[in-house]
């Protein structure tokens, strides 16, 4: 499986040319894009992709006024479901925790939740998610903590503890791509101990156990350009991978076409093969 993950930020014709090159010349299977502007050259290009060849799913990110896009290659993927928006307030596992999940993190208008769809590729079933995690948002809940990358711990735990993104609760392979606004070192920290230490103030009953393991997304492989980058592709199954990065403000030539990444985020192109 070949995947592109990119926070596009700049959405002019030159950035449409970047995606066109990866779709047409590299022939990726999936592209997950964040911060695609309304009525931009890039959105117009994506919306005009031939429907016989490409499945284009889009949805508003939430606050910020930009959009998610997931582009699926129909020649290699099938059984593509409609796109859905994740909400921990509706997820069975998160409901059990009886925690007041913040609307400023997860509400469709004011928050910024992942979107996801399901598909088949190479005889396997997948859940593909795209997430531009909230940044610099403070919430009143006990889980609220601003991380070094800018995200909020509550947003990470809301996704991580859910049934939707728990690999042990679905036979589907899960891939979560996006600009997660968290650095790799924070994914590796012992947040389970931190949650014990803060002594959640519940008046009665057993205090909820938000994390079954010490680290965030412990059951996923984290693929990222470097330990300091905010772009990630999290994979729930055993894979070997190759990663190519079109760094921010850099150019490259593919099939005699020169393309330039004008975004302040790096473009990840990852190839996954079963281990």
C-alpha atoms as a PDB file:
ATOM      1  CA  UNK A   1       0.000   0.000   0.000  1.00  0.00           C
ATOM      2  CA  UNK A   2       1.267   3.456  -0.966  1.00  0.00           C
ATOM      3  CA  UNK A   3       0.131   6.400   1.170  1.00  0.00           C
ATOM      4  CA  UNK A   4       0.679  10.156   1.066  1.00  0.00           C
ATOM      5  CA  UNK A   5       0.112  12.222   4.202  1.00  0.00           C
ATOM      6  CA  UNK A   6       0.350  16.018   3.970  1.00  0.00           C
ATOM      7  CA  UNK A   7      -0.848  19.158   5.703  1.00  0.00           C
ATOM      8  CA  UNK A   8      -1.074  21.230   2.547  1.00  0.00           C
ATOM      9  CA  UNK A   9      -1.500  24.670   4.188  1.00  0.00           C
ATOM     10  CA  UNK A  10      -0.743  26.504   0.904  1.00  0.00           C
ATOM     11  CA  UNK A  11      -3.411  25.465  -1.598  1.00  0.00           C
ATOM     12  CA  UNK A  12      -2.448  27.180  -4.858  1.00  0.00           C
ATOM     13  CA  UNK A  13      -1.949  25.575  -8.260  1.00  0.00           C
ATOM     14  CA  UNK A  14       1.643  24.589  -7.491  1.00  0.00           C
ATOM     15  CA  UNK A  15       0.419  22.459  -4.587  1.00  0.00           C
ATOM     16  CA  UNK A  16      -2.278  20.932  -6.749  1.00  0.00           C
ATOM     17  CA  UNK A  17       0.576  19.976  -9.091  1.00  0.00           C
ATOM     18  CA  UNK A  18       2.342  18.227  -6.192  1.00  0.00           C
ATOM     19  CA  UNK A  19      -0.669  16.037  -5.445  1.00  0.00           C
ATOM     20  CA  UNK A  20      -1.327  15.440  -9.144  1.00  0.00           C
ATOM     21  CA  UNK A  21       2.201  14.095  -9.507  1.00  0.00           C
ATOM     22  CA  UNK A  22       1.763  11.665  -6.623  1.00  0.00           C
ATOM     23  CA  UNK A  23      -1.642  10.523  -7.876  1.00  0.00           C
ATOM     24  CA  UNK A  24      -0.790  10.210 -11.566  1.00  0.00           C
ATOM     25  CA  UNK A  25       2.931   9.413 -11.653  1.00  0.00           C
ATOM     26  CA  UNK A  26       3.589   7.684  -8.337  1.00  0.00           C
ATOM     27  CA  UNK A  27       0.106   6.129  -8.424  1.00  0.00           C
ATOM     28  CA  UNK A  28      -0.489   6.140  -4.679  1.00  0.00           C
ATOM     29  CA  UNK A  29      -3.353   4.143  -3.222  1.00  0.00           C
ATOM     30  CA  UNK A  30      -4.393   6.679  -0.587  1.00  0.00           C
ATOM     31  CA  UNK A  31      -3.726  10.354   0.062  1.00  0.00           C
ATOM     32  CA  UNK A  32      -4.682  11.983   3.367  1.00  0.00           C
ATOM     33  CA  UNK A  33      -4.623  15.777   3.224  1.00  0.00           C
ATOM     34  CA  UNK A  34      -5.248  18.358   5.931  1.00  0.00           C
ATOM     35  CA  UNK A  35      -5.902  22.105   5.804  1.00  0.00           C
ATOM     36  CA  UNK A  36      -7.237  22.190   2.255  1.00  0.00           C
ATOM     37  CA  UNK A  37      -8.765  25.623   1.683  1.00  0.00           C
ATOM     38  CA  UNK A  38     -12.286  26.189   0.396  1.00  0.00           C
ATOM     39  CA  UNK A  39     -12.506  27.167  -3.287  1.00  0.00           C
ATOM     40  CA  UNK A  40      -8.743  26.927  -3.625  1.00  0.00           C
ATOM     41  CA  UNK A  41      -6.863  25.690  -6.675  1.00  0.00           C
ATOM     42  CA  UNK A  42      -6.104  22.517  -4.755  1.00  0.00           C
ATOM     43  CA  UNK A  43      -9.698  21.821  -3.669  1.00  0.00           C
ATOM     44  CA  UNK A  44     -10.960  22.509  -7.194  1.00  0.00           C
ATOM     45  CA  UNK A  45      -8.448  20.032  -8.595  1.00  0.00           C
ATOM     46  CA  UNK A  46      -9.387  17.362  -6.045  1.00  0.00           C
ATOM     47  CA  UNK A  47     -13.131  17.841  -6.518  1.00  0.00           C
ATOM     48  CA  UNK A  48     -12.721  17.487 -10.287  1.00  0.00           C
ATOM     49  CA  UNK A  49     -10.823  14.171 -10.167  1.00  0.00           C
ATOM     50  CA  UNK A  50     -12.538  11.602 -12.425  1.00  0.00           C
ATOM     51  CA  UNK A  51     -14.926   9.541 -10.304  1.00  0.00           C
ATOM     52  CA  UNK A  52     -14.227   6.389 -12.314  1.00  0.00           C
ATOM     53  CA  UNK A  53     -10.621   6.487 -11.124  1.00  0.00           C
ATOM     54  CA  UNK A  54     -10.684   8.200  -7.729  1.00  0.00           C
ATOM     55  CA  UNK A  55     -12.936   8.221  -4.698  1.00  0.00           C
ATOM     56  CA  UNK A  56     -12.743  11.674  -3.116  1.00  0.00           C
ATOM     57  CA  UNK A  57     -14.027  12.066   0.443  1.00  0.00           C
ATOM     58  CA  UNK A  58     -13.920  15.441   2.141  1.00  0.00           C
ATOM     59  CA  UNK A  59     -15.241  17.005   5.331  1.00  0.00           C
ATOM     60  CA  UNK A  60     -14.716  20.222   7.278  1.00  0.00           C
ATOM     61  CA  UNK A  61     -11.960  19.896   9.851  1.00  0.00           C
ATOM     62  CA  UNK A  62     -13.913  21.949  12.402  1.00  0.00           C
ATOM     63  CA  UNK A  63     -12.504  25.179  13.771  1.00  0.00           C
ATOM     64  CA  UNK A  64     -10.040  26.867  11.437  1.00  0.00           C
ATOM     65  CA  UNK A  65     -12.292  26.704   8.379  1.00  0.00           C
ATOM     66  CA  UNK A  66     -10.187  24.229   6.379  1.00  0.00           C
ATOM     67  CA  UNK A  67     -11.009  20.743   5.101  1.00  0.00           C
ATOM     68  CA  UNK A  68      -9.938  17.135   5.267  1.00  0.00           C
ATOM     69  CA  UNK A  69      -9.558  15.131   2.069  1.00  0.00           C
ATOM     70  CA  UNK A  70      -9.064  11.389   1.673  1.00  0.00           C
ATOM     71  CA  UNK A  71      -8.401  10.366  -1.939  1.00  0.00           C
ATOM     72  CA  UNK A  72      -8.677   6.673  -2.767  1.00  0.00           C
ATOM     73  CA  UNK A  73      -7.358   4.948  -5.896  1.00  0.00           C
ATOM     74  CA  UNK A  74     -10.259   2.881  -7.202  1.00  0.00           C
ATOM     75  CA  UNK A  75      -7.995   0.684  -9.300  1.00  0.00           C
ATOM     76  CA  UNK A  76      -6.409  -0.772  -6.149  1.00  0.00           C
ATOM     77  CA  UNK A  77      -9.078  -0.223  -3.468  1.00  0.00           C
ATOM     78  CA  UNK A  78     -12.700  -1.361  -3.272  1.00  0.00           C
ATOM     79  CA  UNK A  79     -15.677  -1.559  -0.901  1.00  0.00           C
ATOM     80  CA  UNK A  80     -15.168   2.078   0.086  1.00  0.00           C
ATOM     81  CA  UNK A  81     -17.547   3.248   2.801  1.00  0.00           C
ATOM     82  CA  UNK A  82     -18.930   6.747   3.364  1.00  0.00           C
ATOM     83  CA  UNK A  83     -16.743   8.981   5.499  1.00  0.00           C
ATOM     84  CA  UNK A  84     -17.582   9.316   9.202  1.00  0.00           C
ATOM     85  CA  UNK A  85     -16.451  11.731  11.922  1.00  0.00           C
ATOM     86  CA  UNK A  86     -15.162  10.318  15.191  1.00  0.00           C
ATOM     87  CA  UNK A  87     -16.789  11.521  18.412  1.00  0.00           C
ATOM     88  CA  UNK A  88     -15.747   9.994  21.763  1.00  0.00           C
ATOM     89  CA  UNK A  89     -19.131  10.970  23.193  1.00  0.00           C
ATOM     90  CA  UNK A  90     -20.689   8.353  20.876  1.00  0.00           C
ATOM     91  CA  UNK A  91     -17.994   5.675  21.131  1.00  0.00           C
ATOM     92  CA  UNK A  92     -19.020   2.681  23.331  1.00  0.00           C
ATOM     93  CA  UNK A  93     -15.673   2.399  25.126  1.00  0.00           C
ATOM     94  CA  UNK A  94     -15.396   6.109  25.806  1.00  0.00           C
ATOM     95  CA  UNK A  95     -18.983   6.272  27.075  1.00  0.00           C
ATOM     96  CA  UNK A  96     -18.048   3.695  29.731  1.00  0.00           C
ATOM     97  CA  UNK A  97     -15.482   6.118  31.145  1.00  0.00           C
ATOM     98  CA  UNK A  98     -18.226   8.636  32.037  1.00  0.00           C
ATOM     99  CA  UNK A  99     -15.887  11.499  31.248  1.00  0.00           C
ATOM    100  CA  UNK A 100     -17.178  14.828  29.965  1.00  0.00           C
ATOM    101  CA  UNK A 101     -15.276  14.972  26.684  1.00  0.00           C
ATOM    102  CA  UNK A 102     -14.744  18.579  25.598  1.00  0.00           C
ATOM    103  CA  UNK A 103     -16.741  20.057  22.723  1.00  0.00           C
ATOM    104  CA  UNK A 104     -13.812  22.402  22.006  1.00  0.00           C
ATOM    105  CA  UNK A 105     -11.822  19.305  21.044  1.00  0.00           C
ATOM    106  CA  UNK A 106     -14.410  17.005  19.496  1.00  0.00           C
ATOM    107  CA  UNK A 107     -17.499  18.965  18.459  1.00  0.00           C
ATOM    108  CA  UNK A 108     -18.125  18.993  14.700  1.00  0.00           C
ATOM    109  CA  UNK A 109     -18.092  22.803  14.538  1.00  0.00           C
ATOM    110  CA  UNK A 110     -15.882  23.914  17.414  1.00  0.00           C
ATOM    111  CA  UNK A 111     -13.600  20.888  17.735  1.00  0.00           C
ATOM    112  CA  UNK A 112     -11.349  18.973  15.363  1.00  0.00           C
ATOM    113  CA  UNK A 113     -11.893  15.201  15.320  1.00  0.00           C
ATOM    114  CA  UNK A 114     -10.548  12.548  12.954  1.00  0.00           C
ATOM    115  CA  UNK A 115     -12.585  11.459   9.981  1.00  0.00           C
ATOM    116  CA  UNK A 116     -12.404   7.881   8.747  1.00  0.00           C
ATOM    117  CA  UNK A 117     -13.692   5.457   6.154  1.00  0.00           C
ATOM    118  CA  UNK A 118     -13.303   1.778   5.430  1.00  0.00           C
ATOM    119  CA  UNK A 119     -12.070  -0.022   2.333  1.00  0.00           C
ATOM    120  CA  UNK A 120     -10.521  -3.206   1.012  1.00  0.00           C
ATOM    121  CA  UNK A 121      -7.042  -3.454  -0.483  1.00  0.00           C
ATOM    122  CA  UNK A 122      -5.036  -6.537  -1.436  1.00  0.00           C
ATOM    123  CA  UNK A 123      -7.530  -8.894   0.165  1.00  0.00           C
ATOM    124  CA  UNK A 124      -7.506  -7.088   3.534  1.00  0.00           C
ATOM    125  CA  UNK A 125     -10.017  -4.728   5.154  1.00  0.00           C
ATOM    126  CA  UNK A 126      -8.865  -1.344   6.437  1.00  0.00           C
ATOM    127  CA  UNK A 127     -10.082   1.592   8.494  1.00  0.00           C
ATOM    128  CA  UNK A 128      -8.347   4.716   7.162  1.00  0.00           C
ATOM    129  CA  UNK A 129      -8.408   7.833   9.338  1.00  0.00           C
ATOM    130  CA  UNK A 130      -7.241  11.389   8.716  1.00  0.00           C
ATOM    131  CA  UNK A 131      -6.674  13.773  11.627  1.00  0.00           C
ATOM    132  CA  UNK A 132      -5.495  17.336  12.091  1.00  0.00           C
ATOM    133  CA  UNK A 133      -5.314  17.287  15.876  1.00  0.00           C
ATOM    134  CA  UNK A 134      -6.367  20.394  17.823  1.00  0.00           C
ATOM    135  CA  UNK A 135      -3.573  22.776  18.742  1.00  0.00           C
ATOM    136  CA  UNK A 136      -3.237  25.266  21.594  1.00  0.00           C
ATOM    137  CA  UNK A 137      -6.658  24.378  22.997  1.00  0.00           C
ATOM    138  CA  UNK A 138      -7.159  24.328  26.774  1.00  0.00           C
ATOM    139  CA  UNK A 139     -10.129  22.521  28.285  1.00  0.00           C
ATOM    140  CA  UNK A 140     -11.423  22.489  31.872  1.00  0.00           C
ATOM    141  CA  UNK A 141     -11.315  18.692  32.250  1.00  0.00           C
ATOM    142  CA  UNK A 142      -8.828  16.760  34.378  1.00  0.00           C
ATOM    143  CA  UNK A 143      -7.201  15.334  31.236  1.00  0.00           C
ATOM    144  CA  UNK A 144      -6.385  18.736  29.777  1.00  0.00           C
ATOM    145  CA  UNK A 145      -2.665  19.232  29.272  1.00  0.00           C
ATOM    146  CA  UNK A 146      -0.924  21.076  26.457  1.00  0.00           C
ATOM    147  CA  UNK A 147       1.723  18.901  24.848  1.00  0.00           C
ATOM    148  CA  UNK A 148       5.022  20.149  23.432  1.00  0.00           C
ATOM    149  CA  UNK A 149       3.779  19.736  19.885  1.00  0.00           C
ATOM    150  CA  UNK A 150       0.755  21.884  20.698  1.00  0.00           C
ATOM    151  CA  UNK A 151      -1.942  19.228  20.946  1.00  0.00           C
ATOM    152  CA  UNK A 152      -4.015  18.498  24.047  1.00  0.00           C
ATOM    153  CA  UNK A 153      -3.605  15.265  25.999  1.00  0.00           C
ATOM    154  CA  UNK A 154      -7.396  14.890  26.236  1.00  0.00           C
ATOM    155  CA  UNK A 155      -7.703  14.773  22.444  1.00  0.00           C
ATOM    156  CA  UNK A 156      -5.058  12.034  22.238  1.00  0.00           C
ATOM    157  CA  UNK A 157      -6.655   9.944  24.989  1.00  0.00           C
ATOM    158  CA  UNK A 158     -10.134  10.400  23.525  1.00  0.00           C
ATOM    159  CA  UNK A 159      -8.985   8.776  20.297  1.00  0.00           C
ATOM    160  CA  UNK A 160      -6.585   6.252  21.845  1.00  0.00           C
ATOM    161  CA  UNK A 161      -9.066   4.767  24.349  1.00  0.00           C
ATOM    162  CA  UNK A 162     -11.932   4.422  21.866  1.00  0.00           C
ATOM    163  CA  UNK A 163     -13.392   1.279  20.358  1.00  0.00           C
ATOM    164  CA  UNK A 164     -13.124   2.922  16.932  1.00  0.00           C
ATOM    165  CA  UNK A 165      -9.326   3.022  17.048  1.00  0.00           C
ATOM    166  CA  UNK A 166      -8.643  -0.030  19.229  1.00  0.00           C
ATOM    167  CA  UNK A 167      -6.988  -2.681  17.017  1.00  0.00           C
ATOM    168  CA  UNK A 168      -8.083  -5.480  19.378  1.00  0.00           C
ATOM    169  CA  UNK A 169     -11.757  -4.602  18.922  1.00  0.00           C
ATOM    170  CA  UNK A 170     -11.953  -4.820  15.141  1.00  0.00           C
ATOM    171  CA  UNK A 171     -10.682  -7.305  12.562  1.00  0.00           C
ATOM    172  CA  UNK A 172      -9.866  -4.356  10.317  1.00  0.00           C
ATOM    173  CA  UNK A 173      -6.380  -2.985   9.919  1.00  0.00           C
ATOM    174  CA  UNK A 174      -6.264   0.614  11.124  1.00  0.00           C
ATOM    175  CA  UNK A 175      -4.160   3.401   9.622  1.00  0.00           C
ATOM    176  CA  UNK A 176      -4.338   6.817  11.259  1.00  0.00           C
ATOM    177  CA  UNK A 177      -2.562   9.531   9.272  1.00  0.00           C
ATOM    178  CA  UNK A 178      -2.347  13.250   9.792  1.00  0.00           C
ATOM    179  CA  UNK A 179      -0.804  16.263  11.430  1.00  0.00           C
ATOM    180  CA  UNK A 180      -1.158  15.111  15.032  1.00  0.00           C
ATOM    181  CA  UNK A 181       0.587  18.104  16.637  1.00  0.00           C
ATOM    182  CA  UNK A 182       2.517  15.751  18.898  1.00  0.00           C
ATOM    183  CA  UNK A 183       6.176  14.728  18.781  1.00  0.00           C
ATOM    184  CA  UNK A 184       7.289  11.119  18.863  1.00  0.00           C
ATOM    185  CA  UNK A 185       8.903  11.460  22.285  1.00  0.00           C
ATOM    186  CA  UNK A 186       5.524  12.373  23.794  1.00  0.00           C
ATOM    187  CA  UNK A 187       3.889   9.332  22.237  1.00  0.00           C
ATOM    188  CA  UNK A 188       6.484   7.301  24.166  1.00  0.00           C
ATOM    189  CA  UNK A 189       5.970   8.904  27.586  1.00  0.00           C
ATOM    190  CA  UNK A 190       4.306   7.057  30.481  1.00  0.00           C
ATOM    191  CA  UNK A 191       0.978   8.873  30.480  1.00  0.00           C
ATOM    192  CA  UNK A 192      -0.646   6.078  32.459  1.00  0.00           C
ATOM    193  CA  UNK A 193       1.455   7.046  35.485  1.00  0.00           C
ATOM    194  CA  UNK A 194       0.656  10.722  34.905  1.00  0.00           C
ATOM    195  CA  UNK A 195      -3.066   9.973  34.966  1.00  0.00           C
ATOM    196  CA  UNK A 196      -2.689   8.140  38.260  1.00  0.00           C
ATOM    197  CA  UNK A 197      -0.730  11.028  39.735  1.00  0.00           C
ATOM    198  CA  UNK A 198      -3.296  13.711  38.910  1.00  0.00           C
ATOM    199  CA  UNK A 199      -5.946  11.940  41.062  1.00  0.00           C
ATOM    200  CA  UNK A 200      -9.049  12.486  38.975  1.00  0.00           C
ATOM    201  CA  UNK A 201     -11.724  14.099  41.100  1.00  0.00           C
ATOM    202  CA  UNK A 202     -14.700  11.773  40.808  1.00  0.00           C
ATOM    203  CA  UNK A 203     -17.120  12.067  43.735  1.00  0.00           C
ATOM    204  CA  UNK A 204     -18.259   8.455  43.729  1.00  0.00           C
ATOM    205  CA  UNK A 205     -17.635   5.131  42.083  1.00  0.00           C
ATOM    206  CA  UNK A 206     -14.474   3.648  40.651  1.00  0.00           C
ATOM    207  CA  UNK A 207     -12.160   6.105  38.956  1.00  0.00           C
ATOM    208  CA  UNK A 208     -12.003   5.365  35.236  1.00  0.00           C
ATOM    209  CA  UNK A 209      -8.849   3.845  33.801  1.00  0.00           C
ATOM    210  CA  UNK A 210      -8.226   5.913  30.711  1.00  0.00           C
ATOM    211  CA  UNK A 211      -5.222   4.022  29.413  1.00  0.00           C
ATOM    212  CA  UNK A 212      -4.736   0.258  29.464  1.00  0.00           C
ATOM    213  CA  UNK A 213      -1.087   0.686  28.499  1.00  0.00           C
ATOM    214  CA  UNK A 214       1.583   3.137  29.538  1.00  0.00           C
ATOM    215  CA  UNK A 215       2.058   4.979  26.253  1.00  0.00           C
ATOM    216  CA  UNK A 216      -0.261   6.534  23.686  1.00  0.00           C
ATOM    217  CA  UNK A 217      -1.124   4.349  20.675  1.00  0.00           C
ATOM    218  CA  UNK A 218       1.028   1.585  22.129  1.00  0.00           C
ATOM    219  CA  UNK A 219      -0.370  -1.001  19.689  1.00  0.00           C
ATOM    220  CA  UNK A 220       0.566   1.076  16.642  1.00  0.00           C
ATOM    221  CA  UNK A 221       3.754   1.504  14.670  1.00  0.00           C
ATOM    222  CA  UNK A 222       4.544   5.224  14.460  1.00  0.00           C
ATOM    223  CA  UNK A 223       6.011   6.347  11.122  1.00  0.00           C
ATOM    224  CA  UNK A 224       7.213   9.961  11.127  1.00  0.00           C
ATOM    225  CA  UNK A 225       9.893  11.968   9.274  1.00  0.00           C
ATOM    226  CA  UNK A 226      11.813  12.543  12.533  1.00  0.00           C
ATOM    227  CA  UNK A 227      11.320  12.543  16.288  1.00  0.00           C
ATOM    228  CA  UNK A 228      10.616  16.285  16.180  1.00  0.00           C
ATOM    229  CA  UNK A 229       8.057  16.251  13.383  1.00  0.00           C
ATOM    230  CA  UNK A 230       4.308  16.519  13.945  1.00  0.00           C
ATOM    231  CA  UNK A 231       3.313  14.472  10.892  1.00  0.00           C
ATOM    232  CA  UNK A 232       2.612  10.799  11.585  1.00  0.00           C
ATOM    233  CA  UNK A 233       1.202   7.665  10.041  1.00  0.00           C
ATOM    234  CA  UNK A 234       0.149   5.209  12.758  1.00  0.00           C
ATOM    235  CA  UNK A 235      -0.260   1.597  11.617  1.00  0.00           C
ATOM    236  CA  UNK A 236      -1.979  -1.097  13.701  1.00  0.00           C
ATOM    237  CA  UNK A 237      -0.488  -4.209  12.078  1.00  0.00           C
ATOM    238  CA  UNK A 238       2.985  -5.627  11.437  1.00  0.00           C
ATOM    239  CA  UNK A 239       4.575  -3.990   8.411  1.00  0.00           C
ATOM    240  CA  UNK A 240       7.863  -3.189   6.807  1.00  0.00           C
ATOM    241  CA  UNK A 241       7.935   0.309   5.381  1.00  0.00           C
ATOM    242  CA  UNK A 242       9.846   2.750   3.250  1.00  0.00           C
ATOM    243  CA  UNK A 243       9.440   6.478   3.769  1.00  0.00           C
ATOM    244  CA  UNK A 244      10.199   9.302   1.383  1.00  0.00           C
ATOM    245  CA  UNK A 245       9.857  12.899   2.534  1.00  0.00           C
ATOM    246  CA  UNK A 246       9.346  16.021   0.443  1.00  0.00           C
ATOM    247  CA  UNK A 247      10.563  18.479   3.021  1.00  0.00           C
ATOM    248  CA  UNK A 248       8.958  21.853   3.580  1.00  0.00           C
ATOM    249  CA  UNK A 249      10.142  24.481   1.081  1.00  0.00           C
ATOM    250  CA  UNK A 250      12.044  21.857  -0.944  1.00  0.00           C
ATOM    251  CA  UNK A 251      11.669  20.648  -4.521  1.00  0.00           C
ATOM    252  CA  UNK A 252      12.064  17.326  -6.271  1.00  0.00           C
ATOM    253  CA  UNK A 253      11.682  15.942  -9.779  1.00  0.00           C
ATOM    254  CA  UNK A 254       9.410  12.986 -10.533  1.00  0.00           C
ATOM    255  CA  UNK A 255       9.115  11.751 -14.137  1.00  0.00           C
ATOM    256  CA  UNK A 256      10.707  14.981 -15.380  1.00  0.00           C
ATOM    257  CA  UNK A 257       8.197  17.085 -13.418  1.00  0.00           C
ATOM    258  CA  UNK A 258       9.591  19.471 -10.829  1.00  0.00           C
ATOM    259  CA  UNK A 259       7.354  20.015  -7.815  1.00  0.00           C
ATOM    260  CA  UNK A 260       7.847  22.205  -4.741  1.00  0.00           C
ATOM    261  CA  UNK A 261       6.391  21.829  -1.269  1.00  0.00           C
ATOM    262  CA  UNK A 262       5.406  25.351  -0.195  1.00  0.00           C
ATOM    263  CA  UNK A 263       3.726  24.192   2.998  1.00  0.00           C
ATOM    264  CA  UNK A 264       5.429  24.563   6.361  1.00  0.00           C
ATOM    265  CA  UNK A 265       4.743  20.829   6.811  1.00  0.00           C
ATOM    266  CA  UNK A 266       6.627  17.978   5.178  1.00  0.00           C
ATOM    267  CA  UNK A 267       4.888  15.599   2.796  1.00  0.00           C
ATOM    268  CA  UNK A 268       5.208  11.931   3.746  1.00  0.00           C
ATOM    269  CA  UNK A 269       5.098   9.227   1.091  1.00  0.00           C
ATOM    270  CA  UNK A 270       5.125   5.792   2.713  1.00  0.00           C
ATOM    271  CA  UNK A 271       5.053   2.314   1.214  1.00  0.00           C
ATOM    272  CA  UNK A 272       3.748  -0.451   3.487  1.00  0.00           C
ATOM    273  CA  UNK A 273       4.393  -4.152   3.016  1.00  0.00           C
ATOM    274  CA  UNK A 274       3.252  -6.944   5.338  1.00  0.00           C
ATOM    275  CA  UNK A 275       6.099  -8.031   7.581  1.00  0.00           C
END
